Amino acid sequence: MGQVDSKPSSPPNNSQSQPSDSLDSLLAEAAAFGDDANESLDAKAQKALECPCIAHLRSGPCGTQFSEAFVCFIKSTAEEK
């Protein structure tokens, strides 16, 4: 009685990329930061952690855990799934 049928709303228009896509690109950029083939894995991992592209991730509430996981990722020799 007197009610108007509502139309389904359209999904919000997100102009940003998916978070996982942007995180993947940040990790790839950091991993390549200052890459030198003659360096040890420890040195490469440390340089990658110094990349400004991931500074905000290291300074967040999970910064320590992120840093540890990222170093593990850099040092890993296993093929990505």
PDB file of N, CA and C in Angstrom:
ATOM      1  N   MET A   1       0.821  -1.165   0.000  1.00  0.00           N
ATOM      2  CA  MET A   1       0.000   0.000   0.000  1.00  0.00           C
ATOM      3  C   MET A   1       0.870   1.235   0.000  1.00  0.00           C
ATOM      4  N   GLY A   2       0.922   1.857  -1.105  1.00  0.00           N
ATOM      5  CA  GLY A   2       1.663   3.098  -1.196  1.00  0.00           C
ATOM      6  C   GLY A   2       3.172   2.906  -1.209  1.00  0.00           C
ATOM      7  N   GLN A   3       3.643   1.649  -1.260  1.00  0.00           N
ATOM      8  CA  GLN A   3       5.087   1.415  -1.270  1.00  0.00           C
ATOM      9  C   GLN A   3       5.584   1.396  -2.706  1.00  0.00           C
ATOM     10  N   VAL A   4       6.743   1.908  -2.873  1.00  0.00           N
ATOM     11  CA  VAL A   4       7.355   1.957  -4.190  1.00  0.00           C
ATOM     12  C   VAL A   4       8.392   0.842  -4.269  1.00  0.00           C
ATOM     13  N   ASP A   5       8.356   0.108  -5.390  1.00  0.00           N
ATOM     14  CA  ASP A   5       9.366  -0.926  -5.578  1.00  0.00           C
ATOM     15  C   ASP A   5      10.722  -0.257  -5.731  1.00  0.00           C
ATOM     16  N   SER A   6      11.677  -0.763  -4.990  1.00  0.00           N
ATOM     17  CA  SER A   6      13.023  -0.202  -5.120  1.00  0.00           C
ATOM     18  C   SER A   6      13.823  -1.035  -6.104  1.00  0.00           C
ATOM     19  N   LYS A   7      14.678  -0.384  -6.802  1.00  0.00           N
ATOM     20  CA  LYS A   7      15.546  -1.063  -7.754  1.00  0.00           C
ATOM     21  C   LYS A   7      16.812  -1.483  -7.018  1.00  0.00           C
ATOM     22  N   PRO A   8      17.377  -2.626  -7.381  1.00  0.00           N
ATOM     23  CA  PRO A   8      18.625  -3.033  -6.733  1.00  0.00           C
ATOM     24  C   PRO A   8      19.713  -2.011  -7.018  1.00  0.00           C
ATOM     25  N   SER A   9      20.475  -1.726  -6.009  1.00  0.00           N
ATOM     26  CA  SER A   9      21.548  -0.753  -6.204  1.00  0.00           C
ATOM     27  C   SER A   9      22.694  -1.413  -6.937  1.00  0.00           C
ATOM     28  N   SER A  10      23.404  -0.630  -7.701  1.00  0.00           N
ATOM     29  CA  SER A  10      24.544  -1.157  -8.422  1.00  0.00           C
ATOM     30  C   SER A  10      25.716  -1.241  -7.462  1.00  0.00           C
ATOM     31  N   PRO A  11      26.648  -2.167  -7.722  1.00  0.00           N
ATOM     32  CA  PRO A  11      27.805  -2.286  -6.833  1.00  0.00           C
ATOM     33  C   PRO A  11      28.623  -1.003  -6.861  1.00  0.00           C
ATOM     34  N   PRO A  12      29.287  -0.684  -5.755  1.00  0.00           N
ATOM     35  CA  PRO A  12      30.083   0.530  -5.722  1.00  0.00           C
ATOM     36  C   PRO A  12      31.198   0.471  -6.750  1.00  0.00           C
ATOM     37  N   ASN A  13      31.509   1.615  -7.294  1.00  0.00           N
ATOM     38  CA  ASN A  13      32.553   1.703  -8.300  1.00  0.00           C
ATOM     39  C   ASN A  13      33.879   1.939  -7.599  1.00  0.00           C
ATOM     40  N   ASN A  14      34.688   0.896  -7.525  1.00  0.00           N
ATOM     41  CA  ASN A  14      35.997   1.018  -6.896  1.00  0.00           C
ATOM     42  C   ASN A  14      37.029   1.296  -7.967  1.00  0.00           C
ATOM     43  N   SER A  15      37.609   2.468  -7.911  1.00  0.00           N
ATOM     44  CA  SER A  15      38.617   2.818  -8.902  1.00  0.00           C
ATOM     45  C   SER A  15      39.985   2.277  -8.522  1.00  0.00           C
ATOM     46  N   GLN A  16      40.111   1.774  -7.283  1.00  0.00           N
ATOM     47  CA  GLN A  16      41.384   1.224  -6.850  1.00  0.00           C
ATOM     48  C   GLN A  16      41.465  -0.232  -7.273  1.00  0.00           C
ATOM     49  N   SER A  17      42.703  -0.710  -7.438  1.00  0.00           N
ATOM     50  CA  SER A  17      42.883  -2.111  -7.787  1.00  0.00           C
ATOM     51  C   SER A  17      42.648  -2.962  -6.550  1.00  0.00           C
ATOM     52  N   GLN A  18      42.513  -4.252  -6.768  1.00  0.00           N
ATOM     53  CA  GLN A  18      42.319  -5.169  -5.660  1.00  0.00           C
ATOM     54  C   GLN A  18      43.525  -5.086  -4.730  1.00  0.00           C
ATOM     55  N   PRO A  19      43.338  -5.173  -3.422  1.00  0.00           N
ATOM     56  CA  PRO A  19      44.445  -5.095  -2.478  1.00  0.00           C
ATOM     57  C   PRO A  19      45.527  -6.129  -2.740  1.00  0.00           C
ATOM     58  N   SER A  20      45.137  -7.351  -3.105  1.00  0.00           N
ATOM     59  CA  SER A  20      46.146  -8.374  -3.337  1.00  0.00           C
ATOM     60  C   SER A  20      46.997  -8.033  -4.561  1.00  0.00           C
ATOM     61  N   ASP A  21      46.398  -7.435  -5.589  1.00  0.00           N
ATOM     62  CA  ASP A  21      47.164  -7.043  -6.763  1.00  0.00           C
ATOM     63  C   ASP A  21      48.174  -5.971  -6.407  1.00  0.00           C
ATOM     64  N   SER A  22      47.764  -4.989  -5.646  1.00  0.00           N
ATOM     65  CA  SER A  22      48.674  -3.909  -5.305  1.00  0.00           C
ATOM     66  C   SER A  22      49.756  -4.407  -4.355  1.00  0.00           C
ATOM     67  N   LEU A  23      49.426  -5.321  -3.443  1.00  0.00           N
ATOM     68  CA  LEU A  23      50.423  -5.871  -2.536  1.00  0.00           C
ATOM     69  C   LEU A  23      51.437  -6.687  -3.319  1.00  0.00           C
ATOM     70  N   ASP A  24      50.958  -7.466  -4.281  1.00  0.00           N
ATOM     71  CA  ASP A  24      51.875  -8.245  -5.117  1.00  0.00           C
ATOM     72  C   ASP A  24      52.853  -7.340  -5.847  1.00  0.00           C
ATOM     73  N   SER A  25      52.370  -6.240  -6.386  1.00  0.00           N
ATOM     74  CA  SER A  25      53.261  -5.342  -7.121  1.00  0.00           C
ATOM     75  C   SER A  25      54.241  -4.658  -6.173  1.00  0.00           C
ATOM     76  N   LEU A  26      53.799  -4.315  -4.963  1.00  0.00           N
ATOM     77  CA  LEU A  26      54.716  -3.719  -3.984  1.00  0.00           C
ATOM     78  C   LEU A  26      55.806  -4.703  -3.583  1.00  0.00           C
ATOM     79  N   LEU A  27      55.424  -5.954  -3.368  1.00  0.00           N
ATOM     80  CA  LEU A  27      56.411  -6.964  -2.992  1.00  0.00           C
ATOM     81  C   LEU A  27      57.419  -7.197  -4.110  1.00  0.00           C
ATOM     82  N   ALA A  28      56.937  -7.225  -5.342  1.00  0.00           N
ATOM     83  CA  ALA A  28      57.844  -7.408  -6.476  1.00  0.00           C
ATOM     84  C   ALA A  28      58.796  -6.225  -6.607  1.00  0.00           C
ATOM     85  N   GLU A  29      58.265  -5.025  -6.412  1.00  0.00           N
ATOM     86  CA  GLU A  29      59.114  -3.831  -6.495  1.00  0.00           C
ATOM     87  C   GLU A  29      60.165  -3.846  -5.391  1.00  0.00           C
ATOM     88  N   ALA A  30      59.760  -4.187  -4.189  1.00  0.00           N
ATOM     89  CA  ALA A  30      60.699  -4.217  -3.068  1.00  0.00           C
ATOM     90  C   ALA A  30      61.750  -5.306  -3.264  1.00  0.00           C
ATOM     91  N   ALA A  31      61.333  -6.448  -3.786  1.00  0.00           N
ATOM     92  CA  ALA A  31      62.272  -7.546  -4.007  1.00  0.00           C
ATOM     93  C   ALA A  31      63.327  -7.169  -5.039  1.00  0.00           C
ATOM     94  N   ALA A  32      62.960  -6.338  -5.992  1.00  0.00           N
ATOM     95  CA  ALA A  32      63.901  -5.917  -7.031  1.00  0.00           C
ATOM     96  C   ALA A  32      64.708  -4.687  -6.629  1.00  0.00           C
ATOM     97  N   PHE A  33      64.376  -4.062  -5.509  1.00  0.00           N
ATOM     98  CA  PHE A  33      65.028  -2.832  -5.066  1.00  0.00           C
ATOM     99  C   PHE A  33      66.501  -3.091  -4.786  1.00  0.00           C
ATOM    100  N   GLY A  34      67.370  -2.418  -5.523  1.00  0.00           N
ATOM    101  CA  GLY A  34      68.811  -2.533  -5.319  1.00  0.00           C
ATOM    102  C   GLY A  34      69.336  -3.935  -5.545  1.00  0.00           C
ATOM    103  N   ASP A  35      68.685  -4.693  -6.415  1.00  0.00           N
ATOM    104  CA  ASP A  35      69.072  -6.080  -6.650  1.00  0.00           C
ATOM    105  C   ASP A  35      70.457  -6.150  -7.282  1.00  0.00           C
ATOM    106  N   ASP A  36      71.329  -6.908  -6.639  1.00  0.00           N
ATOM    107  CA  ASP A  36      72.686  -7.115  -7.131  1.00  0.00           C
ATOM    108  C   ASP A  36      72.954  -8.615  -7.098  1.00  0.00           C
ATOM    109  N   ALA A  37      73.267  -9.186  -8.230  1.00  0.00           N
ATOM    110  CA  ALA A  37      73.433 -10.636  -8.336  1.00  0.00           C
ATOM    111  C   ALA A  37      74.565 -11.167  -7.451  1.00  0.00           C
ATOM    112  N   ASN A  38      75.519 -10.343  -7.087  1.00  0.00           N
ATOM    113  CA  ASN A  38      76.668 -10.794  -6.304  1.00  0.00           C
ATOM    114  C   ASN A  38      76.434 -10.726  -4.795  1.00  0.00           C
ATOM    115  N   GLU A  39      75.281 -10.250  -4.363  1.00  0.00           N
ATOM    116  CA  GLU A  39      75.006 -10.108  -2.938  1.00  0.00           C
ATOM    117  C   GLU A  39      74.457 -11.396  -2.345  1.00  0.00           C
ATOM    118  N   SER A  40      74.661 -11.546  -1.047  1.00  0.00           N
ATOM    119  CA  SER A  40      74.095 -12.688  -0.336  1.00  0.00           C
ATOM    120  C   SER A  40      72.593 -12.481  -0.186  1.00  0.00           C
ATOM    121  N   LEU A  41      71.890 -13.550   0.142  1.00  0.00           N
ATOM    122  CA  LEU A  41      70.446 -13.433   0.350  1.00  0.00           C
ATOM    123  C   LEU A  41      70.134 -12.512   1.522  1.00  0.00           C
ATOM    124  N   ASP A  42      70.961 -12.543   2.562  1.00  0.00           N
ATOM    125  CA  ASP A  42      70.746 -11.653   3.706  1.00  0.00           C
ATOM    126  C   ASP A  42      70.849 -10.192   3.293  1.00  0.00           C
ATOM    127  N   ALA A  43      71.847  -9.867   2.471  1.00  0.00           N
ATOM    128  CA  ALA A  43      72.026  -8.491   2.012  1.00  0.00           C
ATOM    129  C   ALA A  43      70.877  -8.066   1.104  1.00  0.00           C
ATOM    130  N   LYS A  44      70.437  -8.980   0.230  1.00  0.00           N
ATOM    131  CA  LYS A  44      69.311  -8.667  -0.656  1.00  0.00           C
ATOM    132  C   LYS A  44      68.036  -8.431   0.156  1.00  0.00           C
ATOM    133  N   ALA A  45      67.820  -9.267   1.166  1.00  0.00           N
ATOM    134  CA  ALA A  45      66.629  -9.123   2.006  1.00  0.00           C
ATOM    135  C   ALA A  45      66.658  -7.795   2.750  1.00  0.00           C
ATOM    136  N   GLN A  46      67.820  -7.427   3.270  1.00  0.00           N
ATOM    137  CA  GLN A  46      67.933  -6.164   3.998  1.00  0.00           C
ATOM    138  C   GLN A  46      67.680  -4.976   3.072  1.00  0.00           C
ATOM    139  N   LYS A  47      68.230  -5.020   1.861  1.00  0.00           N
ATOM    140  CA  LYS A  47      67.995  -3.935   0.901  1.00  0.00           C
ATOM    141  C   LYS A  47      66.519  -3.857   0.527  1.00  0.00           C
ATOM    142  N   ALA A  48      65.901  -5.004   0.344  1.00  0.00           N
ATOM    143  CA  ALA A  48      64.482  -5.025  -0.016  1.00  0.00           C
ATOM    144  C   ALA A  48      63.638  -4.410   1.097  1.00  0.00           C
ATOM    145  N   LEU A  49      64.015  -4.659   2.343  1.00  0.00           N
ATOM    146  CA  LEU A  49      63.281  -4.072   3.468  1.00  0.00           C
ATOM    147  C   LEU A  49      63.439  -2.554   3.519  1.00  0.00           C
ATOM    148  N   GLU A  50      64.503  -2.034   2.953  1.00  0.00           N
ATOM    149  CA  GLU A  50      64.753  -0.594   2.956  1.00  0.00           C
ATOM    150  C   GLU A  50      64.014   0.144   1.831  1.00  0.00           C
ATOM    151  N   CYS A  51      63.355  -0.602   0.952  1.00  0.00           N
ATOM    152  CA  CYS A  51      62.629   0.008  -0.159  1.00  0.00           C
ATOM    153  C   CYS A  51      61.518   0.903   0.383  1.00  0.00           C
ATOM    154  N   PRO A  52      61.450   2.159  -0.085  1.00  0.00           N
ATOM    155  CA  PRO A  52      60.407   3.065   0.397  1.00  0.00           C
ATOM    156  C   PRO A  52      58.990   2.609   0.033  1.00  0.00           C
ATOM    157  N   CYS A  53      58.859   1.722  -0.937  1.00  0.00           N
ATOM    158  CA  CYS A  53      57.530   1.280  -1.364  1.00  0.00           C
ATOM    159  C   CYS A  53      56.826   0.423  -0.317  1.00  0.00           C
ATOM    160  N   ILE A  54      57.569  -0.146   0.626  1.00  0.00           N
ATOM    161  CA  ILE A  54      56.936  -0.953   1.670  1.00  0.00           C
ATOM    162  C   ILE A  54      57.139  -0.355   3.064  1.00  0.00           C
ATOM    163  N   ALA A  55      57.635   0.851   3.141  1.00  0.00           N
ATOM    164  CA  ALA A  55      57.888   1.484   4.441  1.00  0.00           C
ATOM    165  C   ALA A  55      56.623   1.553   5.289  1.00  0.00           C
ATOM    166  N   HIS A  56      55.490   1.855   4.658  1.00  0.00           N
ATOM    167  CA  HIS A  56      54.232   1.949   5.419  1.00  0.00           C
ATOM    168  C   HIS A  56      53.808   0.599   5.984  1.00  0.00           C
ATOM    169  N   LEU A  57      54.170  -0.485   5.324  1.00  0.00           N
ATOM    170  CA  LEU A  57      53.838  -1.815   5.833  1.00  0.00           C
ATOM    171  C   LEU A  57      54.706  -2.176   7.035  1.00  0.00           C
ATOM    172  N   ARG A  58      55.943  -1.727   7.020  1.00  0.00           N
ATOM    173  CA  ARG A  58      56.866  -2.015   8.117  1.00  0.00           C
ATOM    174  C   ARG A  58      56.583  -1.160   9.341  1.00  0.00           C
ATOM    175  N   SER A  59      55.964   0.001   9.150  1.00  0.00           N
ATOM    176  CA  SER A  59      55.709   0.888  10.285  1.00  0.00           C
ATOM    177  C   SER A  59      54.323   0.686  10.879  1.00  0.00           C
ATOM    178  N   GLY A  60      53.536  -0.207  10.321  1.00  0.00           N
ATOM    179  CA  GLY A  60      52.185  -0.464  10.811  1.00  0.00           C
ATOM    180  C   GLY A  60      52.192  -1.339  12.056  1.00  0.00           C
ATOM    181  N   PRO A  61      51.013  -1.663  12.545  1.00  0.00           N
ATOM    182  CA  PRO A  61      50.907  -2.458  13.768  1.00  0.00           C
ATOM    183  C   PRO A  61      51.486  -3.874  13.638  1.00  0.00           C
ATOM    184  N   CYS A  62      51.581  -4.383  12.435  1.00  0.00           N
ATOM    185  CA  CYS A  62      52.139  -5.728  12.210  1.00  0.00           C
ATOM    186  C   CYS A  62      53.500  -5.641  11.522  1.00  0.00           C
ATOM    187  N   GLY A  63      54.194  -4.541  11.712  1.00  0.00           N
ATOM    188  CA  GLY A  63      55.458  -4.295  11.019  1.00  0.00           C
ATOM    189  C   GLY A  63      56.501  -5.364  11.244  1.00  0.00           C
ATOM    190  N   THR A  64      56.649  -5.804  12.477  1.00  0.00           N
ATOM    191  CA  THR A  64      57.646  -6.826  12.784  1.00  0.00           C
ATOM    192  C   THR A  64      57.311  -8.133  12.084  1.00  0.00           C
ATOM    193  N   GLN A  65      56.050  -8.523  12.165  1.00  0.00           N
ATOM    194  CA  GLN A  65      55.630  -9.765  11.504  1.00  0.00           C
ATOM    195  C   GLN A  65      55.777  -9.658   9.995  1.00  0.00           C
ATOM    196  N   PHE A  66      55.428  -8.481   9.436  1.00  0.00           N
ATOM    197  CA  PHE A  66      55.586  -8.290   8.000  1.00  0.00           C
ATOM    198  C   PHE A  66      57.052  -8.429   7.604  1.00  0.00           C
ATOM    199  N   SER A  67      57.927  -7.766   8.352  1.00  0.00           N
ATOM    200  CA  SER A  67      59.357  -7.803   8.030  1.00  0.00           C
ATOM    201  C   SER A  67      59.889  -9.230   8.061  1.00  0.00           C
ATOM    202  N   GLU A  68      59.517  -9.989   9.085  1.00  0.00           N
ATOM    203  CA  GLU A  68      59.975 -11.379   9.183  1.00  0.00           C
ATOM    204  C   GLU A  68      59.454 -12.219   8.017  1.00  0.00           C
ATOM    205  N   ALA A  69      58.181 -12.050   7.683  1.00  0.00           N
ATOM    206  CA  ALA A  69      57.592 -12.820   6.579  1.00  0.00           C
ATOM    207  C   ALA A  69      58.206 -12.407   5.238  1.00  0.00           C
ATOM    208  N   PHE A  70      58.474 -11.121   5.085  1.00  0.00           N
ATOM    209  CA  PHE A  70      59.035 -10.639   3.826  1.00  0.00           C
ATOM    210  C   PHE A  70      60.455 -11.158   3.633  1.00  0.00           C
ATOM    211  N   VAL A  71      61.255 -11.162   4.701  1.00  0.00           N
ATOM    212  CA  VAL A  71      62.611 -11.704   4.615  1.00  0.00           C
ATOM    213  C   VAL A  71      62.546 -13.186   4.254  1.00  0.00           C
ATOM    214  N   CYS A  72      61.627 -13.908   4.838  1.00  0.00           N
ATOM    215  CA  CYS A  72      61.434 -15.316   4.503  1.00  0.00           C
ATOM    216  C   CYS A  72      61.082 -15.474   3.029  1.00  0.00           C
ATOM    217  N   PHE A  73      60.204 -14.607   2.525  1.00  0.00           N
ATOM    218  CA  PHE A  73      59.799 -14.632   1.109  1.00  0.00           C
ATOM    219  C   PHE A  73      61.011 -14.376   0.194  1.00  0.00           C
ATOM    220  N   ILE A  74      61.820 -13.389   0.545  1.00  0.00           N
ATOM    221  CA  ILE A  74      62.987 -13.045  -0.274  1.00  0.00           C
ATOM    222  C   ILE A  74      63.987 -14.207  -0.298  1.00  0.00           C
ATOM    223  N   LYS A  75      64.197 -14.827   0.843  1.00  0.00           N
ATOM    224  CA  LYS A  75      65.187 -15.891   0.947  1.00  0.00           C
ATOM    225  C   LYS A  75      64.686 -17.232   0.392  1.00  0.00           C
ATOM    226  N   SER A  76      63.396 -17.358   0.193  1.00  0.00           N
ATOM    227  CA  SER A  76      62.829 -18.628  -0.241  1.00  0.00           C
ATOM    228  C   SER A  76      63.314 -19.005  -1.643  1.00  0.00           C
ATOM    229  N   THR A  77      63.577 -20.259  -1.798  1.00  0.00           N
ATOM    230  CA  THR A  77      63.970 -20.761  -3.124  1.00  0.00           C
ATOM    231  C   THR A  77      62.867 -21.634  -3.723  1.00  0.00           C
ATOM    232  N   ALA A  78      61.782 -21.807  -2.968  1.00  0.00           N
ATOM    233  CA  ALA A  78      60.669 -22.613  -3.463  1.00  0.00           C
ATOM    234  C   ALA A  78      59.909 -21.862  -4.552  1.00  0.00           C
ATOM    235  N   GLU A  79      59.364 -22.616  -5.475  1.00  0.00           N
ATOM    236  CA  GLU A  79      58.580 -22.033  -6.554  1.00  0.00           C
ATOM    237  C   GLU A  79      57.250 -21.522  -5.996  1.00  0.00           C
ATOM    238  N   GLU A  80      56.830 -20.347  -6.439  1.00  0.00           N
ATOM    239  CA  GLU A  80      55.564 -19.780  -5.982  1.00  0.00           C
ATOM    240  C   GLU A  80      54.410 -20.620  -6.492  1.00  0.00           C
ATOM    241  N   LYS A  81      53.351 -20.683  -5.678  1.00  0.00           N
ATOM    242  CA  LYS A  81      52.163 -21.432  -6.082  1.00  0.00           C
ATOM    243  C   LYS A  81      51.187 -20.502  -6.719  1.00  0.00           C
TER     244      LYS A  81
END
